[in-house]
Structure formats: structure tokens, C-alpha cells
Amino acid sequence: SVLFIAAHPDDENTRLIAYLARGRNYRTAYLSLTRGDGGQNVLGSEFGEELGVIRTQELLAARRIDGGRQFFTRAIDFGFSKSPKETLAIWNRDQVLADIVRVIRIFRPDVLITRFSPGGGGHGHHTASGMLALEAFKLAGDSKAYPEQLGELTPWQPKRILLNGGGGGRGGGGSNADLLRIDIGGNDSLSGESFGTLAGRSRSMHKTQGFGNFGGSGGGGPSFESFQLLAGEPAAKDILDGVD
């Protein structure tokens, strides 16, 4: 089982989710820390909380296509943030961290994958999502962390947390010894569609963001994604190395 973590609706790697969920039959989920309340809306006049409701449904529709499950935290998308410090102050860091730990304990993933680096620049929400994912990885298996959750849940420690960087020919980084590179190409055995086609159809569900014409395209040939270990046990050949 694999849990992919990022900041907003449409931050997820739909091709990787389709490959893991429908190609390898893993329990696969996306944890979007926000519901996209602060995004654009090319379809109508709904913004803020109303847009968050719409984008929640867009994510659920996307998961029905690519085969993943969907989770959220209580973090609010308040628009562009210049720094993770600002983001975490507005989000209530401990509350959102507790939500991530809870999702890990509920879903019990073998591996966590983040879309954004804990040390990266750019959008503060993105960097904060990587920082909190890494912190939650270290806390989810600790019985002293958020003990109020342990009446209904038990601690759960994933084997590793990886940063998903580059892929599909965009900085796959095969020559970098620190990166694990895997081929996520191929076709879904049930529908016959390529994972690229499924990913495109999944991504097209983000219609308020202008992705309605994204469509599904791409054959079943090789498509590479790279992963960098952030914490946990190293992986030499596959992201689920050492998992029974």
C-alpha cells in the first residue's frame, strides 16, 4: 500500500497512482492537505468554501478513474503563500500534522511518497506539505504521539518515505546514485487502456482549474519516474523493496 501526499487538488501524480492502483493492484491513496479553496475557477463564480466543495468532488471523480482512494486534512487553501513558515502559522501546524498522522494510522501504508521537497522553494503550501509528511512519517509509529487517536487506532510505521521527482523524461535522474528510477508504463489489464490514458482522464476531472480538455493520451510504452529517499529503509530496485 502506498500513500501519496501533496498540498492541493491537482498536485497528485495521476499516472503514478494509476500504475500503482491498477497496474500493481496496491492499495493506493492521495492525501491532499487542502481542498483547493484558494484556487481559480474557470467555470463559474464559486470561490472560497464553495470552490473547496467543488474541488473535493473533482478529486473524488479523479480517484474513481485512476483507482486510488482520497483523504484530506483540515488545512485551508488561502491562496499563494510565500513561505512554509507563513503557511504553517495560518494552517495550525500541530492540527494539520495530527491529521496526517491519523490518515497514516487509518490507511496503514507501507510507503509514503511526497510530491514536494521539505527543503524546496516556491509555493509555501508545497514545501509545508513535504515538511509535514516527513514529520508525520516519524511520528505515526510513536505511541506517545497523539495518544488521543489510539483509542480507535494503533501506531503505524511505514517502511520509507520517498520524494517523487521528475519522470516521463523530465529529469528522471537515472545517473544520480541517490535516485531510484522505475518504469511505470504499461496498460491496465482490465480496460486495455494505457496508464497514461487513465492518468489523463483522471486529471481532466479538475475542470474548475481548466483541465477539462486535458484528455487521455499516451501509449503503454516506458515511462520513468524517479524517487529520492527522505527517511526510512533504503530501496535499491523498487519503491516497495523489503515489503512482503
C-alpha atoms as a PDB file:
ATOM      1  CA  SER A   1       0.000   0.000   0.000  1.00  0.00           C
ATOM      2  CA  VAL A   2       1.190   3.485  -0.901  1.00  0.00           C
ATOM      3  CA  LEU A   3       0.076   6.928   0.303  1.00  0.00           C
ATOM      4  CA  PHE A   4       0.900   9.907  -1.940  1.00  0.00           C
ATOM      5  CA  ILE A   5       0.938  13.287  -0.153  1.00  0.00           C
ATOM      6  CA  ALA A   6       0.808  16.831  -1.563  1.00  0.00           C
ATOM      7  CA  ALA A   7      -0.827  20.181  -0.902  1.00  0.00           C
ATOM      8  CA  HIS A   8      -3.742  20.751  -3.305  1.00  0.00           C
ATOM      9  CA  PRO A   9      -6.200  19.063  -5.624  1.00  0.00           C
ATOM     10  CA  ASP A  10      -4.343  18.596  -8.955  1.00  0.00           C
ATOM     11  CA  ASP A  11      -0.925  18.268  -7.243  1.00  0.00           C
ATOM     12  CA  GLU A  12      -1.142  14.482  -7.374  1.00  0.00           C
ATOM     13  CA  ASN A  13       0.746  12.333  -9.895  1.00  0.00           C
ATOM     14  CA  THR A  14      -2.225  10.635 -11.559  1.00  0.00           C
ATOM     15  CA  ARG A  15      -0.040   8.440 -13.750  1.00  0.00           C
ATOM     16  CA  LEU A  16       1.808   7.029 -10.759  1.00  0.00           C
ATOM     17  CA  ILE A  17      -1.463   6.490  -8.873  1.00  0.00           C
ATOM     18  CA  ALA A  18      -2.996   4.677 -11.862  1.00  0.00           C
ATOM     19  CA  TYR A  19       0.101   2.493 -12.224  1.00  0.00           C
ATOM     20  CA  LEU A  20       0.217   1.555  -8.538  1.00  0.00           C
ATOM     21  CA  ALA A  21      -3.530   1.070  -8.083  1.00  0.00           C
ATOM     22  CA  ARG A  22      -4.461  -0.575 -11.377  1.00  0.00           C
ATOM     23  CA  GLY A  23      -1.132  -1.869 -12.665  1.00  0.00           C
ATOM     24  CA  ARG A  24       0.230  -3.387  -9.468  1.00  0.00           C
ATOM     25  CA  ASN A  25      -3.034  -3.754  -7.536  1.00  0.00           C
ATOM     26  CA  TYR A  26      -1.711  -1.911  -4.496  1.00  0.00           C
ATOM     27  CA  ARG A  27      -3.979  -0.082  -2.077  1.00  0.00           C
ATOM     28  CA  THR A  28      -3.121   3.431  -3.211  1.00  0.00           C
ATOM     29  CA  ALA A  29      -4.370   6.770  -1.884  1.00  0.00           C
ATOM     30  CA  TYR A  30      -3.809  10.503  -2.290  1.00  0.00           C
ATOM     31  CA  LEU A  31      -3.772  12.782   0.751  1.00  0.00           C
ATOM     32  CA  SER A  32      -4.436  16.359  -0.359  1.00  0.00           C
ATOM     33  CA  LEU A  33      -3.769  18.597   2.619  1.00  0.00           C
ATOM     34  CA  THR A  34      -6.243  21.197   1.333  1.00  0.00           C
ATOM     35  CA  ARG A  35      -9.451  21.117  -0.690  1.00  0.00           C
ATOM     36  CA  GLY A  36      -8.298  23.823  -3.084  1.00  0.00           C
ATOM     37  CA  ASP A  37     -10.414  26.624  -1.589  1.00  0.00           C
ATOM     38  CA  GLY A  38      -7.970  29.280  -2.792  1.00  0.00           C
ATOM     39  CA  GLY A  39      -7.696  28.191  -6.411  1.00  0.00           C
ATOM     40  CA  GLN A  40      -9.152  29.606  -9.595  1.00  0.00           C
ATOM     41  CA  ASN A  41     -12.492  28.676 -11.100  1.00  0.00           C
ATOM     42  CA  VAL A  42     -12.760  28.873 -14.875  1.00  0.00           C
ATOM     43  CA  LEU A  43     -16.328  27.518 -14.859  1.00  0.00           C
ATOM     44  CA  GLY A  44     -18.272  29.774 -12.521  1.00  0.00           C
ATOM     45  CA  SER A  45     -18.446  32.269  -9.692  1.00  0.00           C
ATOM     46  CA  GLU A  46     -17.896  29.877  -6.768  1.00  0.00           C
ATOM     47  CA  PHE A  47     -14.815  30.667  -4.684  1.00  0.00           C
ATOM     48  CA  GLY A  48     -13.615  30.000  -1.154  1.00  0.00           C
ATOM     49  CA  GLU A  49     -15.554  27.321   0.680  1.00  0.00           C
ATOM     50  CA  GLU A  50     -17.925  26.733  -2.242  1.00  0.00           C
ATOM     51  CA  LEU A  51     -14.977  26.106  -4.558  1.00  0.00           C
ATOM     52  CA  GLY A  52     -13.497  23.750  -1.955  1.00  0.00           C
ATOM     53  CA  VAL A  53     -16.693  21.671  -2.100  1.00  0.00           C
ATOM     54  CA  ILE A  54     -16.496  21.516  -5.907  1.00  0.00           C
ATOM     55  CA  ARG A  55     -12.803  20.590  -5.961  1.00  0.00           C
ATOM     56  CA  THR A  56     -13.411  17.898  -3.364  1.00  0.00           C
ATOM     57  CA  GLN A  57     -15.848  16.279  -5.793  1.00  0.00           C
ATOM     58  CA  GLU A  58     -13.370  16.697  -8.659  1.00  0.00           C
ATOM     59  CA  LEU A  59     -10.765  14.775  -6.655  1.00  0.00           C
ATOM     60  CA  LEU A  60     -13.226  12.004  -5.835  1.00  0.00           C
ATOM     61  CA  ALA A  61     -14.124  11.765  -9.532  1.00  0.00           C
ATOM     62  CA  ALA A  62     -10.426  11.564 -10.443  1.00  0.00           C
ATOM     63  CA  ARG A  63      -9.882   8.701  -7.999  1.00  0.00           C
ATOM     64  CA  ARG A  64     -12.802   6.756  -9.472  1.00  0.00           C
ATOM     65  CA  ILE A  65     -10.875   6.739 -12.750  1.00  0.00           C
ATOM     66  CA  ASP A  66      -7.306   6.045 -11.597  1.00  0.00           C
ATOM     67  CA  GLY A  67      -8.276   3.624  -8.818  1.00  0.00           C
ATOM     68  CA  GLY A  68      -6.926   5.464  -5.776  1.00  0.00           C
ATOM     69  CA  ARG A  69      -8.619   6.475  -2.537  1.00  0.00           C
ATOM     70  CA  GLN A  70      -8.824  10.070  -1.357  1.00  0.00           C
ATOM     71  CA  PHE A  71      -8.049  11.722   2.003  1.00  0.00           C
ATOM     72  CA  PHE A  72      -7.883  15.324   3.275  1.00  0.00           C
ATOM     73  CA  THR A  73      -6.746  17.303   6.312  1.00  0.00           C
ATOM     74  CA  ARG A  74      -8.274  20.432   7.849  1.00  0.00           C
ATOM     75  CA  ALA A  75      -5.701  22.717   6.164  1.00  0.00           C
ATOM     76  CA  ILE A  76      -7.247  25.684   4.352  1.00  0.00           C
ATOM     77  CA  ASP A  77      -6.012  26.752   0.909  1.00  0.00           C
ATOM     78  CA  PHE A  78      -5.737  30.514   1.443  1.00  0.00           C
ATOM     79  CA  GLY A  79      -4.101  31.228  -1.910  1.00  0.00           C
ATOM     80  CA  PHE A  80      -0.440  31.655  -2.734  1.00  0.00           C
ATOM     81  CA  SER A  81       1.935  31.601   0.221  1.00  0.00           C
ATOM     82  CA  LYS A  82       5.465  32.982   0.055  1.00  0.00           C
ATOM     83  CA  SER A  83       6.933  30.651   2.679  1.00  0.00           C
ATOM     84  CA  PRO A  84       6.238  27.465   4.635  1.00  0.00           C
ATOM     85  CA  LYS A  85       6.591  29.487   7.848  1.00  0.00           C
ATOM     86  CA  GLU A  86       3.628  31.649   6.851  1.00  0.00           C
ATOM     87  CA  THR A  87       1.682  28.577   5.708  1.00  0.00           C
ATOM     88  CA  LEU A  88       2.190  26.630   8.936  1.00  0.00           C
ATOM     89  CA  ALA A  89       1.223  29.627  11.075  1.00  0.00           C
ATOM     90  CA  ILE A  90      -2.071  30.052   9.233  1.00  0.00           C
ATOM     91  CA  TRP A  91      -2.806  26.311   8.978  1.00  0.00           C
ATOM     92  CA  ASN A  92      -2.205  25.493  12.656  1.00  0.00           C
ATOM     93  CA  ARG A  93       0.791  23.223  12.223  1.00  0.00           C
ATOM     94  CA  ASP A  94       0.018  20.790  15.034  1.00  0.00           C
ATOM     95  CA  GLN A  95      -3.587  20.298  13.951  1.00  0.00           C
ATOM     96  CA  VAL A  96      -2.668  19.504  10.348  1.00  0.00           C
ATOM     97  CA  LEU A  97       0.225  17.284  11.452  1.00  0.00           C
ATOM     98  CA  ALA A  98      -2.187  15.356  13.680  1.00  0.00           C
ATOM     99  CA  ASP A  99      -4.498  14.888  10.688  1.00  0.00           C
ATOM    100  CA  ILE A 100      -1.665  13.436   8.576  1.00  0.00           C
ATOM    101  CA  VAL A 101      -0.656  11.069  11.379  1.00  0.00           C
ATOM    102  CA  ARG A 102      -4.293   9.992  11.696  1.00  0.00           C
ATOM    103  CA  VAL A 103      -4.558   9.232   7.959  1.00  0.00           C
ATOM    104  CA  ILE A 104      -1.345   7.174   8.111  1.00  0.00           C
ATOM    105  CA  ARG A 105      -2.712   5.211  11.065  1.00  0.00           C
ATOM    106  CA  ILE A 106      -6.052   4.684   9.295  1.00  0.00           C
ATOM    107  CA  PHE A 107      -4.705   3.721   5.851  1.00  0.00           C
ATOM    108  CA  ARG A 108      -1.551   1.950   7.132  1.00  0.00           C
ATOM    109  CA  PRO A 109       0.631   2.468   4.031  1.00  0.00           C
ATOM    110  CA  ASP A 110       3.861   0.551   3.518  1.00  0.00           C
ATOM    111  CA  VAL A 111       5.419   3.550   1.762  1.00  0.00           C
ATOM    112  CA  LEU A 112       4.784   7.314   1.769  1.00  0.00           C
ATOM    113  CA  ILE A 113       5.526   9.408  -1.329  1.00  0.00           C
ATOM    114  CA  THR A 114       5.665  13.199  -1.310  1.00  0.00           C
ATOM    115  CA  ARG A 115       5.325  15.401  -4.381  1.00  0.00           C
ATOM    116  CA  PHE A 116       7.273  18.328  -2.927  1.00  0.00           C
ATOM    117  CA  SER A 117      10.616  18.547  -1.158  1.00  0.00           C
ATOM    118  CA  PRO A 118      10.677  19.541   2.529  1.00  0.00           C
ATOM    119  CA  GLY A 119      13.537  21.868   1.652  1.00  0.00           C
ATOM    120  CA  GLY A 120      12.160  23.252  -1.588  1.00  0.00           C
ATOM    121  CA  GLY A 121      11.274  26.800  -2.534  1.00  0.00           C
ATOM    122  CA  GLY A 122       8.287  28.214  -4.364  1.00  0.00           C
ATOM    123  CA  HIS A 123       4.751  27.919  -3.029  1.00  0.00           C
ATOM    124  CA  GLY A 124       4.748  27.735   0.781  1.00  0.00           C
ATOM    125  CA  HIS A 125       1.911  25.198   0.764  1.00  0.00           C
ATOM    126  CA  HIS A 126       4.029  22.849  -1.355  1.00  0.00           C
ATOM    127  CA  THR A 127       7.091  22.987   0.869  1.00  0.00           C
ATOM    128  CA  ALA A 128       4.956  22.730   4.008  1.00  0.00           C
ATOM    129  CA  SER A 129       3.300  19.569   2.666  1.00  0.00           C
ATOM    130  CA  GLY A 130       6.728  17.935   2.300  1.00  0.00           C
ATOM    131  CA  MET A 131       7.844  19.080   5.743  1.00  0.00           C
ATOM    132  CA  LEU A 132       4.717  17.803   7.481  1.00  0.00           C
ATOM    133  CA  ALA A 133       4.753  14.492   5.584  1.00  0.00           C
ATOM    134  CA  LEU A 134       8.309  13.827   6.734  1.00  0.00           C
ATOM    135  CA  GLU A 135       7.462  14.738  10.319  1.00  0.00           C
ATOM    136  CA  ALA A 136       4.323  12.578  10.281  1.00  0.00           C
ATOM    137  CA  PHE A 137       6.349   9.633   8.946  1.00  0.00           C
ATOM    138  CA  LYS A 138       8.476   9.810  12.095  1.00  0.00           C
ATOM    139  CA  LEU A 139       5.516  10.243  14.478  1.00  0.00           C
ATOM    140  CA  ALA A 140       2.880   7.825  13.167  1.00  0.00           C
ATOM    141  CA  GLY A 141       4.566   4.796  14.730  1.00  0.00           C
ATOM    142  CA  ASP A 142       5.222   6.505  18.068  1.00  0.00           C
ATOM    143  CA  SER A 143       2.673   5.559  20.720  1.00  0.00           C
ATOM    144  CA  LYS A 144       3.475   8.782  22.582  1.00  0.00           C
ATOM    145  CA  ALA A 145       2.457  10.935  19.598  1.00  0.00           C
ATOM    146  CA  TYR A 146      -1.191  11.986  19.551  1.00  0.00           C
ATOM    147  CA  PRO A 147      -2.262   9.374  22.102  1.00  0.00           C
ATOM    148  CA  GLU A 148      -5.857  10.614  21.840  1.00  0.00           C
ATOM    149  CA  GLN A 149      -6.019   8.804  18.479  1.00  0.00           C
ATOM    150  CA  LEU A 150      -5.074   5.462  19.973  1.00  0.00           C
ATOM    151  CA  GLY A 151      -8.486   4.664  21.440  1.00  0.00           C
ATOM    152  CA  GLU A 152      -9.640   3.674  17.948  1.00  0.00           C
ATOM    153  CA  LEU A 153      -6.331   3.364  16.058  1.00  0.00           C
ATOM    154  CA  THR A 154      -2.905   1.818  16.614  1.00  0.00           C
ATOM    155  CA  PRO A 155       0.559   3.246  15.794  1.00  0.00           C
ATOM    156  CA  TRP A 156       1.755   2.504  12.280  1.00  0.00           C
ATOM    157  CA  GLN A 157       5.275   2.939  10.915  1.00  0.00           C
ATOM    158  CA  PRO A 158       5.706   2.962   7.108  1.00  0.00           C
ATOM    159  CA  LYS A 159       8.936   1.433   5.832  1.00  0.00           C
ATOM    160  CA  ARG A 160      10.144   4.542   3.996  1.00  0.00           C
ATOM    161  CA  ILE A 161       9.187   7.977   2.717  1.00  0.00           C
ATOM    162  CA  LEU A 162      10.226   8.988  -0.800  1.00  0.00           C
ATOM    163  CA  LEU A 163      10.245  12.229  -2.775  1.00  0.00           C
ATOM    164  CA  ASN A 164       8.757  11.765  -6.251  1.00  0.00           C
ATOM    165  CA  GLY A 165      10.908  13.912  -8.524  1.00  0.00           C
ATOM    166  CA  GLY A 166      10.828  14.143 -12.300  1.00  0.00           C
ATOM    167  CA  GLY A 167       9.631  11.448 -14.633  1.00  0.00           C
ATOM    168  CA  GLY A 168       8.352  10.816 -18.111  1.00  0.00           C
ATOM    169  CA  GLY A 169      11.674  12.095 -19.445  1.00  0.00           C
ATOM    170  CA  ARG A 170      11.543  15.238 -17.266  1.00  0.00           C
ATOM    171  CA  GLY A 171      14.562  14.912 -15.018  1.00  0.00           C
ATOM    172  CA  GLY A 172      14.282  11.204 -14.345  1.00  0.00           C
ATOM    173  CA  GLY A 173      17.804  11.388 -12.986  1.00  0.00           C
ATOM    174  CA  GLY A 174      18.953   7.892 -13.923  1.00  0.00           C
ATOM    175  CA  SER A 175      22.606   8.856 -13.469  1.00  0.00           C
ATOM    176  CA  ASN A 176      22.102  10.134  -9.922  1.00  0.00           C
ATOM    177  CA  ALA A 177      23.112   7.426  -7.476  1.00  0.00           C
ATOM    178  CA  ASP A 178      20.718   8.832  -4.853  1.00  0.00           C
ATOM    179  CA  LEU A 179      17.652   8.317  -7.042  1.00  0.00           C
ATOM    180  CA  LEU A 180      15.586   5.176  -7.578  1.00  0.00           C
ATOM    181  CA  ARG A 181      14.124   5.090 -11.081  1.00  0.00           C
ATOM    182  CA  ILE A 182      11.245   2.813 -12.092  1.00  0.00           C
ATOM    183  CA  ASP A 183       9.211   2.296 -15.261  1.00  0.00           C
ATOM    184  CA  ILE A 184       5.510   2.997 -14.685  1.00  0.00           C
ATOM    185  CA  GLY A 185       4.488   2.410 -18.297  1.00  0.00           C
ATOM    186  CA  GLY A 186       2.079  -0.267 -19.461  1.00  0.00           C
ATOM    187  CA  ASN A 187      -1.620  -0.928 -19.822  1.00  0.00           C
ATOM    188  CA  ASP A 188      -4.459  -1.645 -17.434  1.00  0.00           C
ATOM    189  CA  SER A 189      -5.262  -5.341 -17.852  1.00  0.00           C
ATOM    190  CA  LEU A 190      -8.989  -4.797 -17.253  1.00  0.00           C
ATOM    191  CA  SER A 191      -9.758  -1.945 -19.656  1.00  0.00           C
ATOM    192  CA  GLY A 192      -6.765  -2.243 -22.004  1.00  0.00           C
ATOM    193  CA  GLU A 193      -6.100   1.493 -21.624  1.00  0.00           C
ATOM    194  CA  SER A 194      -2.564   2.707 -21.008  1.00  0.00           C
ATOM    195  CA  PHE A 195      -1.794   4.163 -17.600  1.00  0.00           C
ATOM    196  CA  GLY A 196      -1.041   7.425 -19.403  1.00  0.00           C
ATOM    197  CA  THR A 197      -4.552   7.470 -20.864  1.00  0.00           C
ATOM    198  CA  LEU A 198      -6.101   6.711 -17.487  1.00  0.00           C
ATOM    199  CA  ALA A 199      -3.982   9.434 -15.897  1.00  0.00           C
ATOM    200  CA  GLY A 200      -5.085  11.974 -18.484  1.00  0.00           C
ATOM    201  CA  ARG A 201      -8.750  11.159 -17.967  1.00  0.00           C
ATOM    202  CA  SER A 202      -8.274  11.336 -14.202  1.00  0.00           C
ATOM    203  CA  ARG A 203      -6.547  14.700 -14.436  1.00  0.00           C
ATOM    204  CA  SER A 204      -9.274  16.063 -16.714  1.00  0.00           C
ATOM    205  CA  MET A 205     -11.675  15.854 -13.745  1.00  0.00           C
ATOM    206  CA  HIS A 206     -10.040  19.030 -12.350  1.00  0.00           C
ATOM    207  CA  LYS A 207     -12.377  21.066 -14.532  1.00  0.00           C
ATOM    208  CA  THR A 208     -12.525  24.240 -12.439  1.00  0.00           C
ATOM    209  CA  GLN A 209      -8.758  24.543 -12.901  1.00  0.00           C
ATOM    210  CA  GLY A 210      -9.053  24.402 -16.690  1.00  0.00           C
ATOM    211  CA  PHE A 211      -8.059  20.750 -17.054  1.00  0.00           C
ATOM    212  CA  GLY A 212     -11.357  19.674 -18.631  1.00  0.00           C
ATOM    213  CA  ASN A 213      -9.727  19.297 -22.049  1.00  0.00           C
ATOM    214  CA  PHE A 214      -6.658  17.510 -20.683  1.00  0.00           C
ATOM    215  CA  GLY A 215      -7.984  14.270 -22.129  1.00  0.00           C
ATOM    216  CA  GLY A 216      -6.322  10.891 -22.082  1.00  0.00           C
ATOM    217  CA  SER A 217      -3.293  10.213 -24.197  1.00  0.00           C
ATOM    218  CA  GLY A 218      -0.109   8.252 -24.252  1.00  0.00           C
ATOM    219  CA  GLY A 219       0.715   4.693 -25.195  1.00  0.00           C
ATOM    220  CA  GLY A 220       1.703   1.859 -22.962  1.00  0.00           C
ATOM    221  CA  GLY A 221       5.431   2.244 -23.594  1.00  0.00           C
ATOM    222  CA  PRO A 222       8.105   3.009 -20.990  1.00  0.00           C
ATOM    223  CA  SER A 223       7.552   5.980 -18.706  1.00  0.00           C
ATOM    224  CA  PHE A 224      10.015   6.597 -15.921  1.00  0.00           C
ATOM    225  CA  GLU A 225       9.565   8.203 -12.510  1.00  0.00           C
ATOM    226  CA  SER A 226      12.346   8.890 -10.024  1.00  0.00           C
ATOM    227  CA  PHE A 227      12.294   8.748  -6.234  1.00  0.00           C
ATOM    228  CA  GLN A 228      14.661  10.050  -3.584  1.00  0.00           C
ATOM    229  CA  LEU A 229      14.775   8.568  -0.077  1.00  0.00           C
ATOM    230  CA  LEU A 230      13.869  11.100   2.614  1.00  0.00           C
ATOM    231  CA  ALA A 231      13.819   8.729   5.612  1.00  0.00           C
ATOM    232  CA  GLY A 232      13.408   5.072   6.477  1.00  0.00           C
ATOM    233  CA  GLU A 233      14.922   1.968   4.893  1.00  0.00           C
ATOM    234  CA  PRO A 234      16.738   2.451   1.564  1.00  0.00           C
ATOM    235  CA  ALA A 235      15.297   0.925  -1.601  1.00  0.00           C
ATOM    236  CA  ALA A 236      17.589  -0.416  -4.305  1.00  0.00           C
ATOM    237  CA  LYS A 237      15.292  -1.776  -7.036  1.00  0.00           C
ATOM    238  CA  ASP A 238      11.704  -0.844  -6.272  1.00  0.00           C
ATOM    239  CA  ILE A 239       9.787   1.581  -4.071  1.00  0.00           C
ATOM    240  CA  LEU A 240       8.358  -1.384  -2.118  1.00  0.00           C
ATOM    241  CA  ASP A 241      11.676  -3.171  -1.548  1.00  0.00           C
ATOM    242  CA  GLY A 242      11.501  -5.275   1.590  1.00  0.00           C
ATOM    243  CA  VAL A 243       7.696  -5.245   1.784  1.00  0.00           C
ATOM    244  CA  ASP A 244       6.069  -8.681   1.807  1.00  0.00           C
END
